[in-house]
């Protein structure tokens, strides 16, 4: 087994360098790569070959996790194009920040609603719609490829939406627990 130095995640899976990834192809190639590099196949190999197979399996897992979801895939593509993302950078469009504050306020008010689950579902639908719009914007951005720097803003917005969706899920669990 030979390492694949210098290859990016797309090369590793034999996929084009693109934001749009065929999930079926990705999954099939993932299974093939995992089968070929699984440490059990190297039980009788040298210590170096065993170590290499473990490292290769870890690389394959990392690449798969990155490519299977839009947010980590967008982050990775931006990095491949030399655009570094700083998670501490919170400079954002004021209108978007205002919307975030409204969504967070609506989330904090869910418990006071007569129908908290209905309200939570409406809020989830709104956030998921925002997220779909961001994915579409990223698809267009990467397809055109002009000014990828605006991808940073889209990725930051998507991170906000994903955090909000996590908070919606947590609140739903709490509501279910409290109701039970």
C-alpha atoms as a PDB file:
ATOM      1  CA  UNK A   1       0.000   0.000   0.000  1.00  0.00           C
ATOM      2  CA  UNK A   2       1.403   3.340  -1.038  1.00  0.00           C
ATOM      3  CA  UNK A   3       0.454   6.659   0.532  1.00  0.00           C
ATOM      4  CA  UNK A   4      -1.118   9.293  -1.678  1.00  0.00           C
ATOM      5  CA  UNK A   5       0.873  12.430  -0.830  1.00  0.00           C
ATOM      6  CA  UNK A   6      -0.168  15.704  -2.365  1.00  0.00           C
ATOM      7  CA  UNK A   7      -3.591  14.513  -3.406  1.00  0.00           C
ATOM      8  CA  UNK A   8      -6.638  16.408  -2.326  1.00  0.00           C
ATOM      9  CA  UNK A   9      -9.840  14.737  -1.146  1.00  0.00           C
ATOM     10  CA  UNK A  10     -11.424  14.955  -4.593  1.00  0.00           C
ATOM     11  CA  UNK A  11      -8.422  13.254  -6.212  1.00  0.00           C
ATOM     12  CA  UNK A  12      -8.496  10.567  -3.548  1.00  0.00           C
ATOM     13  CA  UNK A  13     -12.067   9.683  -4.515  1.00  0.00           C
ATOM     14  CA  UNK A  14     -11.535  10.208  -8.242  1.00  0.00           C
ATOM     15  CA  UNK A  15     -14.087  13.026  -8.290  1.00  0.00           C
ATOM     16  CA  UNK A  16     -13.936  16.341 -10.126  1.00  0.00           C
ATOM     17  CA  UNK A  17     -12.933  19.364  -8.088  1.00  0.00           C
ATOM     18  CA  UNK A  18     -16.453  20.763  -7.711  1.00  0.00           C
ATOM     19  CA  UNK A  19     -18.919  21.862  -5.065  1.00  0.00           C
ATOM     20  CA  UNK A  20     -21.488  19.523  -6.564  1.00  0.00           C
ATOM     21  CA  UNK A  21     -20.674  15.953  -5.582  1.00  0.00           C
ATOM     22  CA  UNK A  22     -22.604  12.892  -6.658  1.00  0.00           C
ATOM     23  CA  UNK A  23     -23.316  11.349  -3.257  1.00  0.00           C
ATOM     24  CA  UNK A  24     -23.835   7.871  -4.685  1.00  0.00           C
ATOM     25  CA  UNK A  25     -20.434   7.919  -6.427  1.00  0.00           C
ATOM     26  CA  UNK A  26     -18.832   9.281  -3.274  1.00  0.00           C
ATOM     27  CA  UNK A  27     -20.327   6.507  -1.125  1.00  0.00           C
ATOM     28  CA  UNK A  28     -19.368   3.761  -3.582  1.00  0.00           C
ATOM     29  CA  UNK A  29     -15.789   4.994  -3.831  1.00  0.00           C
ATOM     30  CA  UNK A  30     -15.618   5.387  -0.060  1.00  0.00           C
ATOM     31  CA  UNK A  31     -16.577   1.748   0.454  1.00  0.00           C
ATOM     32  CA  UNK A  32     -14.061   0.596  -2.189  1.00  0.00           C
ATOM     33  CA  UNK A  33     -11.248   2.661  -0.663  1.00  0.00           C
ATOM     34  CA  UNK A  34     -12.098   1.497   2.859  1.00  0.00           C
ATOM     35  CA  UNK A  35     -12.119  -2.119   1.765  1.00  0.00           C
ATOM     36  CA  UNK A  36      -8.731  -1.755   0.062  1.00  0.00           C
ATOM     37  CA  UNK A  37      -7.062   0.019   2.970  1.00  0.00           C
ATOM     38  CA  UNK A  38      -8.768  -1.628   5.950  1.00  0.00           C
ATOM     39  CA  UNK A  39      -6.181  -2.547   8.614  1.00  0.00           C
ATOM     40  CA  UNK A  40      -7.549  -6.113   8.852  1.00  0.00           C
ATOM     41  CA  UNK A  41      -6.238  -6.738   5.329  1.00  0.00           C
ATOM     42  CA  UNK A  42      -2.740  -6.012   6.632  1.00  0.00           C
ATOM     43  CA  UNK A  43      -2.785  -8.301   9.683  1.00  0.00           C
ATOM     44  CA  UNK A  44       0.244 -10.228   8.418  1.00  0.00           C
ATOM     45  CA  UNK A  45       2.037  -7.188   7.007  1.00  0.00           C
ATOM     46  CA  UNK A  46       5.012  -5.358   8.466  1.00  0.00           C
ATOM     47  CA  UNK A  47       4.514  -2.822  11.248  1.00  0.00           C
ATOM     48  CA  UNK A  48       5.144  -0.005   8.779  1.00  0.00           C
ATOM     49  CA  UNK A  49       2.508  -1.319   6.354  1.00  0.00           C
ATOM     50  CA  UNK A  50       0.017  -1.702   9.218  1.00  0.00           C
ATOM     51  CA  UNK A  51       0.647   1.862  10.333  1.00  0.00           C
ATOM     52  CA  UNK A  52       0.294   3.093   6.777  1.00  0.00           C
ATOM     53  CA  UNK A  53      -3.039   1.284   6.369  1.00  0.00           C
ATOM     54  CA  UNK A  54      -4.362   2.861   9.580  1.00  0.00           C
ATOM     55  CA  UNK A  55      -3.233   6.304   8.405  1.00  0.00           C
ATOM     56  CA  UNK A  56      -4.763   5.731   4.973  1.00  0.00           C
ATOM     57  CA  UNK A  57      -8.074   4.608   6.524  1.00  0.00           C
ATOM     58  CA  UNK A  58      -8.101   7.755   8.679  1.00  0.00           C
ATOM     59  CA  UNK A  59      -7.412   9.938   5.640  1.00  0.00           C
ATOM     60  CA  UNK A  60     -10.208   8.250   3.703  1.00  0.00           C
ATOM     61  CA  UNK A  61     -12.637   8.793   6.602  1.00  0.00           C
ATOM     62  CA  UNK A  62     -11.652  12.451   6.936  1.00  0.00           C
ATOM     63  CA  UNK A  63     -12.007  13.025   3.196  1.00  0.00           C
ATOM     64  CA  UNK A  64     -15.407  11.335   3.129  1.00  0.00           C
ATOM     65  CA  UNK A  65     -16.699  13.398   6.066  1.00  0.00           C
ATOM     66  CA  UNK A  66     -15.486  16.562   4.343  1.00  0.00           C
ATOM     67  CA  UNK A  67     -16.980  15.829   0.942  1.00  0.00           C
ATOM     68  CA  UNK A  68     -20.335  14.375   1.958  1.00  0.00           C
ATOM     69  CA  UNK A  69     -21.817  17.582   3.428  1.00  0.00           C
ATOM     70  CA  UNK A  70     -22.080  21.027   1.819  1.00  0.00           C
ATOM     71  CA  UNK A  71     -20.583  23.107   4.642  1.00  0.00           C
ATOM     72  CA  UNK A  72     -17.316  21.207   5.176  1.00  0.00           C
ATOM     73  CA  UNK A  73     -17.033  20.706   1.401  1.00  0.00           C
ATOM     74  CA  UNK A  74     -17.368  24.475   0.804  1.00  0.00           C
ATOM     75  CA  UNK A  75     -14.805  25.225   3.514  1.00  0.00           C
ATOM     76  CA  UNK A  76     -12.409  22.711   1.970  1.00  0.00           C
ATOM     77  CA  UNK A  77     -12.859  24.062  -1.558  1.00  0.00           C
ATOM     78  CA  UNK A  78     -12.195  27.598  -0.363  1.00  0.00           C
ATOM     79  CA  UNK A  79      -9.021  26.415   1.367  1.00  0.00           C
ATOM     80  CA  UNK A  80      -7.901  24.642  -1.822  1.00  0.00           C
ATOM     81  CA  UNK A  81      -8.309  27.989  -3.586  1.00  0.00           C
ATOM     82  CA  UNK A  82      -6.151  29.730  -0.980  1.00  0.00           C
ATOM     83  CA  UNK A  83      -9.003  31.339   0.934  1.00  0.00           C
ATOM     84  CA  UNK A  84      -8.480  30.813   4.632  1.00  0.00           C
ATOM     85  CA  UNK A  85     -11.448  30.853   6.974  1.00  0.00           C
ATOM     86  CA  UNK A  86     -11.149  32.235  10.459  1.00  0.00           C
ATOM     87  CA  UNK A  87     -13.861  30.943  12.788  1.00  0.00           C
ATOM     88  CA  UNK A  88     -13.230  33.912  15.083  1.00  0.00           C
ATOM     89  CA  UNK A  89     -14.055  36.379  12.305  1.00  0.00           C
ATOM     90  CA  UNK A  90     -17.586  37.546  13.076  1.00  0.00           C
ATOM     91  CA  UNK A  91     -17.749  40.536  10.746  1.00  0.00           C
ATOM     92  CA  UNK A  92     -21.009  40.018   8.897  1.00  0.00           C
ATOM     93  CA  UNK A  93     -23.661  41.883   6.998  1.00  0.00           C
ATOM     94  CA  UNK A  94     -25.801  43.825   9.526  1.00  0.00           C
ATOM     95  CA  UNK A  95     -29.051  42.652   7.894  1.00  0.00           C
ATOM     96  CA  UNK A  96     -27.971  39.024   8.281  1.00  0.00           C
ATOM     97  CA  UNK A  97     -26.961  39.601  11.909  1.00  0.00           C
ATOM     98  CA  UNK A  98     -30.369  41.176  12.532  1.00  0.00           C
ATOM     99  CA  UNK A  99     -32.069  38.127  11.049  1.00  0.00           C
ATOM    100  CA  UNK A 100     -29.957  35.898  13.296  1.00  0.00           C
ATOM    101  CA  UNK A 101     -31.031  37.875  16.337  1.00  0.00           C
ATOM    102  CA  UNK A 102     -34.678  37.545  15.287  1.00  0.00           C
ATOM    103  CA  UNK A 103     -34.333  33.799  14.792  1.00  0.00           C
ATOM    104  CA  UNK A 104     -32.634  33.390  18.165  1.00  0.00           C
ATOM    105  CA  UNK A 105     -35.316  35.474  19.837  1.00  0.00           C
ATOM    106  CA  UNK A 106     -38.038  33.381  18.170  1.00  0.00           C
ATOM    107  CA  UNK A 107     -36.257  30.252  19.383  1.00  0.00           C
ATOM    108  CA  UNK A 108     -36.119  31.551  22.940  1.00  0.00           C
ATOM    109  CA  UNK A 109     -39.879  32.280  22.800  1.00  0.00           C
ATOM    110  CA  UNK A 110     -40.898  28.793  21.624  1.00  0.00           C
ATOM    111  CA  UNK A 111     -41.525  27.503  25.162  1.00  0.00           C
ATOM    112  CA  UNK A 112     -44.035  30.323  25.784  1.00  0.00           C
ATOM    113  CA  UNK A 113     -46.068  29.432  22.698  1.00  0.00           C
ATOM    114  CA  UNK A 114     -49.392  27.584  23.061  1.00  0.00           C
ATOM    115  CA  UNK A 115     -48.207  25.119  20.434  1.00  0.00           C
ATOM    116  CA  UNK A 116     -44.434  24.949  20.976  1.00  0.00           C
ATOM    117  CA  UNK A 117     -43.862  21.996  18.624  1.00  0.00           C
ATOM    118  CA  UNK A 118     -45.728  23.687  15.773  1.00  0.00           C
ATOM    119  CA  UNK A 119     -43.772  26.879  16.331  1.00  0.00           C
ATOM    120  CA  UNK A 120     -40.518  24.935  16.496  1.00  0.00           C
ATOM    121  CA  UNK A 121     -41.342  23.219  13.195  1.00  0.00           C
ATOM    122  CA  UNK A 122     -42.104  26.579  11.541  1.00  0.00           C
ATOM    123  CA  UNK A 123     -38.796  27.902  12.800  1.00  0.00           C
ATOM    124  CA  UNK A 124     -36.940  24.792  11.583  1.00  0.00           C
ATOM    125  CA  UNK A 125     -38.564  25.145   8.148  1.00  0.00           C
ATOM    126  CA  UNK A 126     -37.463  28.782   7.945  1.00  0.00           C
ATOM    127  CA  UNK A 127     -33.870  27.969   8.923  1.00  0.00           C
ATOM    128  CA  UNK A 128     -33.703  24.999   6.529  1.00  0.00           C
ATOM    129  CA  UNK A 129     -35.026  27.206   3.707  1.00  0.00           C
ATOM    130  CA  UNK A 130     -32.257  29.725   4.477  1.00  0.00           C
ATOM    131  CA  UNK A 131     -29.722  26.924   4.444  1.00  0.00           C
ATOM    132  CA  UNK A 132     -30.959  25.639   1.058  1.00  0.00           C
ATOM    133  CA  UNK A 133     -30.622  29.155  -0.368  1.00  0.00           C
ATOM    134  CA  UNK A 134     -27.047  29.309   0.893  1.00  0.00           C
ATOM    135  CA  UNK A 135     -26.212  25.931  -0.665  1.00  0.00           C
ATOM    136  CA  UNK A 136     -27.628  27.148  -3.980  1.00  0.00           C
ATOM    137  CA  UNK A 137     -25.592  30.354  -3.722  1.00  0.00           C
ATOM    138  CA  UNK A 138     -22.450  28.304  -3.052  1.00  0.00           C
ATOM    139  CA  UNK A 139     -23.216  26.046  -6.029  1.00  0.00           C
ATOM    140  CA  UNK A 140     -23.484  29.088  -8.279  1.00  0.00           C
ATOM    141  CA  UNK A 141     -20.386  30.690  -6.814  1.00  0.00           C
ATOM    142  CA  UNK A 142     -18.213  27.613  -7.321  1.00  0.00           C
ATOM    143  CA  UNK A 143     -19.698  26.941 -10.773  1.00  0.00           C
ATOM    144  CA  UNK A 144     -18.776  30.453 -11.951  1.00  0.00           C
ATOM    145  CA  UNK A 145     -15.582  30.641  -9.895  1.00  0.00           C
ATOM    146  CA  UNK A 146     -15.076  34.387 -10.377  1.00  0.00           C
ATOM    147  CA  UNK A 147     -14.684  35.810  -6.911  1.00  0.00           C
ATOM    148  CA  UNK A 148     -14.540  32.996  -4.403  1.00  0.00           C
ATOM    149  CA  UNK A 149     -13.802  35.438  -1.573  1.00  0.00           C
ATOM    150  CA  UNK A 150     -17.545  35.977  -1.157  1.00  0.00           C
ATOM    151  CA  UNK A 151     -17.689  32.266  -0.370  1.00  0.00           C
ATOM    152  CA  UNK A 152     -16.314  33.103   3.081  1.00  0.00           C
ATOM    153  CA  UNK A 153     -19.445  35.087   3.857  1.00  0.00           C
ATOM    154  CA  UNK A 154     -21.719  32.312   2.569  1.00  0.00           C
ATOM    155  CA  UNK A 155     -19.859  29.712   4.635  1.00  0.00           C
ATOM    156  CA  UNK A 156     -20.112  31.868   7.771  1.00  0.00           C
ATOM    157  CA  UNK A 157     -23.841  32.277   7.192  1.00  0.00           C
ATOM    158  CA  UNK A 158     -24.228  28.552   6.722  1.00  0.00           C
ATOM    159  CA  UNK A 159     -22.363  27.919   9.967  1.00  0.00           C
ATOM    160  CA  UNK A 160     -24.841  30.187  11.743  1.00  0.00           C
ATOM    161  CA  UNK A 161     -27.753  28.258  10.238  1.00  0.00           C
ATOM    162  CA  UNK A 162     -26.280  24.922  11.247  1.00  0.00           C
ATOM    163  CA  UNK A 163     -25.762  26.141  14.805  1.00  0.00           C
ATOM    164  CA  UNK A 164     -29.356  27.326  14.900  1.00  0.00           C
ATOM    165  CA  UNK A 165     -30.577  23.962  13.614  1.00  0.00           C
ATOM    166  CA  UNK A 166     -28.596  22.254  16.373  1.00  0.00           C
ATOM    167  CA  UNK A 167     -30.240  24.545  18.915  1.00  0.00           C
ATOM    168  CA  UNK A 168     -33.659  23.733  17.432  1.00  0.00           C
ATOM    169  CA  UNK A 169     -32.900  20.004  17.803  1.00  0.00           C
ATOM    170  CA  UNK A 170     -31.749  20.486  21.396  1.00  0.00           C
ATOM    171  CA  UNK A 171     -34.866  22.470  22.272  1.00  0.00           C
ATOM    172  CA  UNK A 172     -37.062  19.840  20.657  1.00  0.00           C
ATOM    173  CA  UNK A 173     -35.424  17.133  22.783  1.00  0.00           C
ATOM    174  CA  UNK A 174     -35.964  19.246  25.892  1.00  0.00           C
ATOM    175  CA  UNK A 175     -39.633  19.836  25.001  1.00  0.00           C
ATOM    176  CA  UNK A 176     -40.195  16.135  24.382  1.00  0.00           C
ATOM    177  CA  UNK A 177     -38.494  15.282  27.656  1.00  0.00           C
ATOM    178  CA  UNK A 178     -40.510  17.897  29.567  1.00  0.00           C
ATOM    179  CA  UNK A 179     -43.775  16.713  27.988  1.00  0.00           C
ATOM    180  CA  UNK A 180     -43.069  13.084  28.847  1.00  0.00           C
END
